[in-house]
N, C-alpha and C. Protein backbone atom coordinates (compact mmCIF):
# COMPACT_ATOMS: atom_id res chain seq x y z
N MET A 1 18.91 130.76 81.51
CA MET A 1 19.26 129.38 81.22
C MET A 1 18.80 128.45 82.35
N LEU A 2 18.97 128.90 83.61
CA LEU A 2 18.54 128.07 84.73
C LEU A 2 17.03 127.83 84.71
N LEU A 3 16.29 128.85 84.30
CA LEU A 3 14.84 128.69 84.23
C LEU A 3 14.46 127.65 83.18
N VAL A 4 15.16 127.63 82.07
CA VAL A 4 14.90 126.62 81.03
C VAL A 4 15.24 125.23 81.55
N VAL A 5 16.38 125.10 82.24
CA VAL A 5 16.77 123.81 82.82
C VAL A 5 15.71 123.36 83.83
N LEU A 6 15.23 124.30 84.65
CA LEU A 6 14.20 123.98 85.63
C LEU A 6 12.92 123.51 84.93
N LEU A 7 12.51 124.23 83.90
CA LEU A 7 11.30 123.84 83.17
C LEU A 7 11.43 122.45 82.55
N LEU A 8 12.56 122.17 81.94
CA LEU A 8 12.79 120.85 81.35
C LEU A 8 12.78 119.76 82.42
N GLY A 9 13.42 120.04 83.54
CA GLY A 9 13.44 119.07 84.64
C GLY A 9 12.06 118.82 85.21
N LEU A 10 11.27 119.87 85.37
CA LEU A 10 9.91 119.72 85.87
C LEU A 10 9.06 118.90 84.91
N ALA A 11 9.15 119.23 83.62
CA ALA A 11 8.36 118.51 82.61
C ALA A 11 8.77 117.04 82.54
N GLY A 12 10.06 116.78 82.54
CA GLY A 12 10.54 115.40 82.47
C GLY A 12 10.17 114.59 83.70
N THR A 13 10.27 115.20 84.86
CA THR A 13 9.92 114.50 86.10
C THR A 13 8.42 114.21 86.16
N ALA A 14 7.62 115.19 85.75
CA ALA A 14 6.16 114.98 85.72
C ALA A 14 5.80 113.84 84.77
N ALA A 15 6.41 113.83 83.60
CA ALA A 15 6.14 112.77 82.63
C ALA A 15 6.52 111.41 83.19
N GLU A 16 7.68 111.33 83.81
CA GLU A 16 8.11 110.06 84.38
C GLU A 16 7.18 109.59 85.49
N LEU A 17 6.76 110.51 86.37
CA LEU A 17 5.86 110.13 87.45
C LEU A 17 4.51 109.64 86.91
N PHE A 18 4.02 110.28 85.86
CA PHE A 18 2.77 109.82 85.25
C PHE A 18 2.95 108.44 84.61
N LEU A 19 4.06 108.24 83.92
CA LEU A 19 4.31 106.94 83.28
C LEU A 19 4.45 105.82 84.32
N LEU A 20 4.99 106.17 85.49
CA LEU A 20 5.15 105.19 86.56
C LEU A 20 3.87 105.04 87.40
N GLU A 21 2.83 105.77 87.00
CA GLU A 21 1.56 105.78 87.73
C GLU A 21 1.78 106.11 89.21
N HIS A 22 2.53 107.16 89.43
CA HIS A 22 2.89 107.61 90.78
C HIS A 22 1.79 108.51 91.34
N TYR A 23 0.57 107.95 91.43
CA TYR A 23 -0.57 108.73 91.93
C TYR A 23 -1.58 107.83 92.61
N GLU A 24 -1.09 106.76 93.26
CA GLU A 24 -1.99 105.81 93.90
C GLU A 24 -2.59 106.35 95.20
N ASP A 25 -1.84 107.13 95.97
CA ASP A 25 -2.37 107.73 97.19
C ASP A 25 -1.87 109.16 97.31
N TRP A 26 -2.33 109.87 98.33
CA TRP A 26 -2.02 111.30 98.44
C TRP A 26 -0.53 111.56 98.57
N LYS A 27 0.21 110.65 99.19
CA LYS A 27 1.65 110.85 99.33
C LYS A 27 2.34 110.85 97.98
N GLN A 28 1.83 110.06 97.06
CA GLN A 28 2.42 109.99 95.73
C GLN A 28 1.99 111.17 94.86
N ILE A 29 0.89 111.81 95.22
CA ILE A 29 0.40 112.95 94.45
C ILE A 29 1.15 114.23 94.80
N VAL A 30 1.76 114.28 95.99
CA VAL A 30 2.45 115.49 96.44
C VAL A 30 3.48 116.00 95.43
N PRO A 31 4.40 115.14 94.93
CA PRO A 31 5.37 115.67 93.96
C PRO A 31 4.71 116.18 92.68
N LEU A 32 3.67 115.50 92.23
CA LEU A 32 2.96 115.96 91.03
C LEU A 32 2.28 117.31 91.27
N ALA A 33 1.68 117.46 92.44
CA ALA A 33 1.03 118.73 92.77
C ALA A 33 2.06 119.86 92.86
N LEU A 34 3.20 119.58 93.49
CA LEU A 34 4.25 120.61 93.59
C LEU A 34 4.77 120.99 92.21
N ILE A 35 4.94 120.02 91.36
CA ILE A 35 5.41 120.29 90.00
C ILE A 35 4.39 121.15 89.26
N GLY A 36 3.11 120.80 89.38
CA GLY A 36 2.06 121.60 88.75
C GLY A 36 2.05 123.03 89.26
N LEU A 37 2.16 123.20 90.56
CA LEU A 37 2.20 124.55 91.14
C LEU A 37 3.43 125.32 90.67
N ALA A 38 4.56 124.62 90.58
CA ALA A 38 5.78 125.28 90.11
C ALA A 38 5.64 125.72 88.66
N LEU A 39 5.05 124.90 87.82
CA LEU A 39 4.85 125.27 86.41
C LEU A 39 3.93 126.49 86.29
N VAL A 40 2.85 126.51 87.08
CA VAL A 40 1.95 127.67 87.07
C VAL A 40 2.69 128.91 87.55
N SER A 41 3.48 128.75 88.59
CA SER A 41 4.25 129.87 89.14
C SER A 41 5.26 130.41 88.13
N ILE A 42 5.90 129.52 87.40
CA ILE A 42 6.88 129.95 86.40
C ILE A 42 6.20 130.68 85.25
N VAL A 43 5.06 130.17 84.81
CA VAL A 43 4.32 130.87 83.75
C VAL A 43 3.92 132.27 84.23
N TRP A 44 3.42 132.35 85.45
CA TRP A 44 3.07 133.65 86.04
C TRP A 44 4.30 134.56 86.07
N HIS A 45 5.43 134.01 86.45
CA HIS A 45 6.68 134.78 86.53
C HIS A 45 7.12 135.27 85.15
N ILE A 46 6.93 134.46 84.13
CA ILE A 46 7.32 134.86 82.78
C ILE A 46 6.38 135.93 82.23
N VAL A 47 5.08 135.76 82.47
CA VAL A 47 4.09 136.69 81.93
C VAL A 47 4.09 138.02 82.67
N VAL A 48 4.13 137.98 83.99
CA VAL A 48 4.09 139.20 84.81
C VAL A 48 5.20 139.13 85.86
N PRO A 49 6.42 139.44 85.48
CA PRO A 49 7.53 139.33 86.43
C PRO A 49 7.33 140.29 87.62
N SER A 50 7.47 139.74 88.82
CA SER A 50 7.34 140.57 90.02
C SER A 50 8.09 139.92 91.17
N ALA A 51 8.30 140.71 92.21
CA ALA A 51 8.94 140.17 93.41
C ALA A 51 8.05 139.11 94.05
N ALA A 52 6.73 139.31 93.97
CA ALA A 52 5.80 138.35 94.59
C ALA A 52 5.93 136.96 93.97
N ASN A 53 5.98 136.88 92.64
CA ASN A 53 6.06 135.54 92.07
C ASN A 53 7.46 134.93 92.22
N VAL A 54 8.48 135.74 92.39
CA VAL A 54 9.81 135.19 92.70
C VAL A 54 9.77 134.58 94.10
N ARG A 55 9.11 135.26 95.05
CA ARG A 55 8.99 134.73 96.42
C ARG A 55 8.16 133.45 96.44
N VAL A 56 7.10 133.41 95.65
CA VAL A 56 6.28 132.19 95.57
C VAL A 56 7.12 131.04 95.03
N LEU A 57 7.91 131.32 94.00
CA LEU A 57 8.77 130.29 93.43
C LEU A 57 9.80 129.82 94.46
N GLN A 58 10.36 130.75 95.24
CA GLN A 58 11.31 130.37 96.29
C GLN A 58 10.64 129.47 97.33
N ALA A 59 9.42 129.80 97.71
CA ALA A 59 8.70 128.99 98.70
C ALA A 59 8.44 127.59 98.14
N LEU A 60 8.02 127.52 96.89
CA LEU A 60 7.76 126.22 96.28
C LEU A 60 9.04 125.39 96.18
N MET A 61 10.14 126.03 95.81
CA MET A 61 11.39 125.29 95.68
C MET A 61 11.87 124.79 97.04
N THR A 62 11.59 125.53 98.09
CA THR A 62 11.91 125.06 99.45
C THR A 62 11.05 123.84 99.79
N LEU A 63 9.78 123.88 99.39
CA LEU A 63 8.92 122.70 99.58
C LEU A 63 9.43 121.50 98.80
N PHE A 64 10.02 121.75 97.63
CA PHE A 64 10.62 120.67 96.84
C PHE A 64 11.72 119.97 97.64
N LEU A 65 12.53 120.76 98.36
CA LEU A 65 13.60 120.18 99.17
C LEU A 65 13.03 119.25 100.24
N PHE A 66 12.00 119.73 100.94
CA PHE A 66 11.38 118.91 101.98
C PHE A 66 10.71 117.67 101.38
N ALA A 67 10.00 117.85 100.27
CA ALA A 67 9.31 116.73 99.63
C ALA A 67 10.30 115.66 99.19
N GLY A 68 11.44 116.09 98.66
CA GLY A 68 12.45 115.13 98.23
C GLY A 68 13.01 114.34 99.40
N ALA A 69 13.32 115.03 100.49
CA ALA A 69 13.86 114.35 101.67
C ALA A 69 12.83 113.38 102.26
N ILE A 70 11.59 113.84 102.37
CA ILE A 70 10.54 112.97 102.90
C ILE A 70 10.30 111.79 101.96
N GLY A 71 10.34 112.04 100.66
CA GLY A 71 10.15 110.98 99.67
C GLY A 71 11.22 109.90 99.78
N MET A 72 12.46 110.31 100.04
CA MET A 72 13.51 109.30 100.21
C MET A 72 13.22 108.44 101.44
N GLY A 73 12.73 109.07 102.49
CA GLY A 73 12.36 108.30 103.68
C GLY A 73 11.22 107.34 103.40
N LEU A 74 10.22 107.80 102.66
CA LEU A 74 9.09 106.95 102.31
C LEU A 74 9.52 105.78 101.42
N HIS A 75 10.41 106.05 100.48
CA HIS A 75 10.91 104.98 99.61
C HIS A 75 11.70 103.95 100.43
N TYR A 76 12.50 104.44 101.38
CA TYR A 76 13.25 103.52 102.24
C TYR A 76 12.30 102.66 103.06
N ASP A 77 11.27 103.29 103.65
CA ASP A 77 10.30 102.54 104.45
C ASP A 77 9.59 101.47 103.62
N ALA A 78 9.20 101.83 102.39
CA ALA A 78 8.53 100.86 101.52
C ALA A 78 9.46 99.70 101.19
N ASN A 79 10.72 99.99 100.90
CA ASN A 79 11.69 98.93 100.62
C ASN A 79 11.91 98.05 101.83
N SER A 80 12.01 98.68 102.99
CA SER A 80 12.25 97.95 104.23
C SER A 80 11.08 97.01 104.53
N GLU A 81 9.86 97.50 104.36
CA GLU A 81 8.67 96.68 104.57
C GLU A 81 8.64 95.50 103.59
N PHE A 82 8.96 95.77 102.33
CA PHE A 82 8.98 94.71 101.32
C PHE A 82 10.03 93.65 101.66
N GLU A 83 11.21 94.10 102.05
CA GLU A 83 12.29 93.16 102.38
C GLU A 83 11.92 92.29 103.59
N ARG A 84 11.24 92.88 104.59
CA ARG A 84 10.82 92.11 105.76
C ARG A 84 9.74 91.09 105.39
N GLU A 85 8.88 91.46 104.42
CA GLU A 85 7.87 90.49 103.96
C GLU A 85 8.54 89.33 103.23
N MET A 86 9.56 89.63 102.44
CA MET A 86 10.26 88.59 101.68
C MET A 86 11.08 87.68 102.60
N ASP A 87 11.70 88.29 103.61
CA ASP A 87 12.53 87.52 104.55
C ASP A 87 12.36 88.10 105.95
N PRO A 88 11.44 87.53 106.74
CA PRO A 88 11.15 88.05 108.08
C PRO A 88 12.36 88.01 109.03
N SER A 89 13.38 87.24 108.69
CA SER A 89 14.55 87.15 109.56
C SER A 89 15.52 88.33 109.38
N LEU A 90 15.29 89.14 108.34
CA LEU A 90 16.18 90.28 108.10
C LEU A 90 16.05 91.32 109.21
N THR A 91 17.20 91.72 109.74
CA THR A 91 17.24 92.79 110.76
C THR A 91 18.55 93.53 110.62
N GLY A 92 18.65 94.64 111.33
CA GLY A 92 19.90 95.37 111.46
C GLY A 92 20.51 95.82 110.14
N TYR A 93 21.82 95.65 110.06
CA TYR A 93 22.58 96.14 108.91
C TYR A 93 22.16 95.47 107.61
N ARG A 94 21.86 94.19 107.67
CA ARG A 94 21.46 93.47 106.46
C ARG A 94 20.14 94.01 105.92
N LEU A 95 19.17 94.27 106.81
CA LEU A 95 17.90 94.87 106.40
C LEU A 95 18.14 96.25 105.81
N PHE A 96 19.03 97.00 106.45
CA PHE A 96 19.36 98.35 105.98
C PHE A 96 19.92 98.31 104.55
N THR A 97 20.91 97.46 104.31
CA THR A 97 21.52 97.41 102.98
C THR A 97 20.57 96.89 101.93
N GLU A 98 19.75 95.90 102.29
CA GLU A 98 18.76 95.38 101.34
C GLU A 98 17.71 96.45 101.02
N SER A 99 17.36 97.26 102.00
CA SER A 99 16.37 98.32 101.79
C SER A 99 16.91 99.43 100.90
N LEU A 100 18.21 99.66 100.95
CA LEU A 100 18.82 100.69 100.11
C LEU A 100 18.74 100.33 98.63
N SER A 101 18.78 99.04 98.33
CA SER A 101 18.77 98.61 96.93
C SER A 101 17.48 97.89 96.58
N GLY A 102 16.39 98.26 97.22
CA GLY A 102 15.11 97.58 97.01
C GLY A 102 14.44 97.95 95.71
N ALA A 103 13.21 97.48 95.58
CA ALA A 103 12.44 97.67 94.35
C ALA A 103 12.09 99.13 94.08
N THR A 104 11.85 99.89 95.13
CA THR A 104 11.53 101.31 94.97
C THR A 104 12.84 102.08 94.98
N PRO A 105 13.16 102.82 93.92
CA PRO A 105 14.45 103.52 93.87
C PRO A 105 14.55 104.56 94.97
N LEU A 106 15.46 104.32 95.88
CA LEU A 106 15.61 105.15 97.08
C LEU A 106 15.96 106.60 96.77
N LEU A 107 16.81 106.81 95.80
CA LEU A 107 17.28 108.17 95.52
C LEU A 107 16.45 108.91 94.48
N ALA A 108 15.42 108.27 93.92
CA ALA A 108 14.59 108.94 92.91
C ALA A 108 13.97 110.24 93.42
N PRO A 109 13.49 110.30 94.67
CA PRO A 109 12.95 111.58 95.15
C PRO A 109 14.01 112.68 95.25
N GLY A 110 15.27 112.30 95.15
CA GLY A 110 16.34 113.29 95.14
C GLY A 110 16.22 114.23 93.95
N THR A 111 15.49 113.81 92.94
CA THR A 111 15.23 114.68 91.79
C THR A 111 14.49 115.93 92.24
N MET A 112 13.58 115.77 93.20
CA MET A 112 12.85 116.93 93.73
C MET A 112 13.82 117.89 94.42
N VAL A 113 14.77 117.33 95.14
CA VAL A 113 15.78 118.16 95.81
C VAL A 113 16.60 118.91 94.76
N GLN A 114 17.01 118.20 93.73
CA GLN A 114 17.80 118.82 92.66
C GLN A 114 17.03 119.94 91.98
N LEU A 115 15.76 119.69 91.66
CA LEU A 115 14.95 120.74 91.02
C LEU A 115 14.75 121.92 91.97
N GLY A 116 14.54 121.63 93.24
CA GLY A 116 14.40 122.70 94.22
C GLY A 116 15.65 123.56 94.30
N LEU A 117 16.80 122.93 94.28
CA LEU A 117 18.06 123.69 94.33
C LEU A 117 18.26 124.52 93.07
N ILE A 118 17.91 123.98 91.91
CA ILE A 118 18.02 124.75 90.67
C ILE A 118 17.11 125.98 90.75
N GLY A 119 15.90 125.79 91.23
CA GLY A 119 14.97 126.91 91.37
C GLY A 119 15.47 127.95 92.36
N LEU A 120 16.04 127.50 93.46
CA LEU A 120 16.57 128.45 94.45
C LEU A 120 17.78 129.21 93.91
N VAL A 121 18.62 128.53 93.15
CA VAL A 121 19.76 129.22 92.53
C VAL A 121 19.25 130.26 91.53
N TYR A 122 18.22 129.91 90.76
CA TYR A 122 17.64 130.85 89.80
C TYR A 122 17.12 132.10 90.51
N THR A 123 16.47 131.93 91.65
CA THR A 123 15.87 133.07 92.35
C THR A 123 16.84 133.81 93.27
N TYR A 124 18.02 133.25 93.49
CA TYR A 124 18.99 133.87 94.38
C TYR A 124 19.42 135.23 93.82
N ARG A 125 19.25 136.25 94.61
CA ARG A 125 19.57 137.63 94.21
C ARG A 125 18.89 138.02 92.90
N HIS A 126 17.68 137.53 92.73
CA HIS A 126 16.93 137.84 91.51
C HIS A 126 16.71 139.35 91.42
N PRO A 127 16.85 139.94 90.24
CA PRO A 127 16.69 141.40 90.09
C PRO A 127 15.33 141.93 90.58
N ARG A 128 14.29 141.13 90.49
CA ARG A 128 12.96 141.58 90.95
C ARG A 128 12.91 141.74 92.47
N LEU A 129 13.85 141.14 93.17
CA LEU A 129 13.86 141.22 94.63
C LEU A 129 14.61 142.44 95.15
N GLU A 130 15.36 143.07 94.27
CA GLU A 130 16.13 144.23 94.69
C GLU A 130 15.22 145.44 94.81
N SER A 131 15.22 146.04 95.99
CA SER A 131 14.42 147.24 96.17
C SER A 131 15.28 148.46 95.87
N ALA A 132 14.64 149.59 95.70
CA ALA A 132 15.36 150.82 95.43
C ALA A 132 16.24 151.14 96.63
N PRO A 133 17.49 151.51 96.38
CA PRO A 133 18.38 151.79 97.50
C PRO A 133 17.87 152.99 98.32
N ILE A 134 18.00 152.85 99.62
CA ILE A 134 17.56 153.91 100.53
C ILE A 134 18.80 154.59 101.08
N ASP A 135 18.82 155.90 100.97
CA ASP A 135 19.92 156.69 101.50
C ASP A 135 19.53 157.12 102.91
N ALA A 136 19.91 156.33 103.90
CA ALA A 136 19.50 156.56 105.28
C ALA A 136 20.13 157.82 105.86
N GLY A 137 21.26 158.22 105.33
CA GLY A 137 21.95 159.39 105.88
C GLY A 137 21.38 160.71 105.39
N ARG A 138 20.60 160.71 104.37
CA ARG A 138 20.10 161.94 103.78
C ARG A 138 18.72 162.25 104.32
N GLN A 139 18.51 163.48 104.69
CA GLN A 139 17.19 163.92 105.16
C GLN A 139 16.67 164.94 104.18
N GLU A 140 15.36 165.14 104.17
CA GLU A 140 14.76 166.05 103.20
C GLU A 140 15.27 167.47 103.30
N TRP A 141 15.58 167.94 104.50
CA TRP A 141 16.00 169.33 104.63
C TRP A 141 17.49 169.53 104.34
N ASP A 142 18.22 168.42 104.10
CA ASP A 142 19.61 168.58 103.69
C ASP A 142 19.67 169.09 102.26
N VAL A 143 20.63 169.97 102.01
CA VAL A 143 20.79 170.49 100.66
C VAL A 143 22.11 170.05 100.10
């Protein structure tokens, strides 16, 4: 079920980013590229389930967390710059609060964090990651 939720979230987020034309520079392409890589990774995982593709998915979902956090910072910076252009006298707390509610939705990149967490929960203790138990106390010459 979590994998289905992740797939729906990835598809919906990708569609929204394309509709918003979120591909003007390389920074805006990062979430789209991560989503594309995640979709390829999930298809690989469905077709040929293995520990390797579970690890790849975990790595990508960790990148989603970083991308979301960095994206929130970038959105804040863009809002802050816009607010200073509109009113050069803005500083301190007032600039901060105006930047939080600016034209670029500050928490939108949090979707990447949410998707990353869903993916990490899906891969947590995934059966493909379990190796055969090793009996360390038993030796070959024991009967």
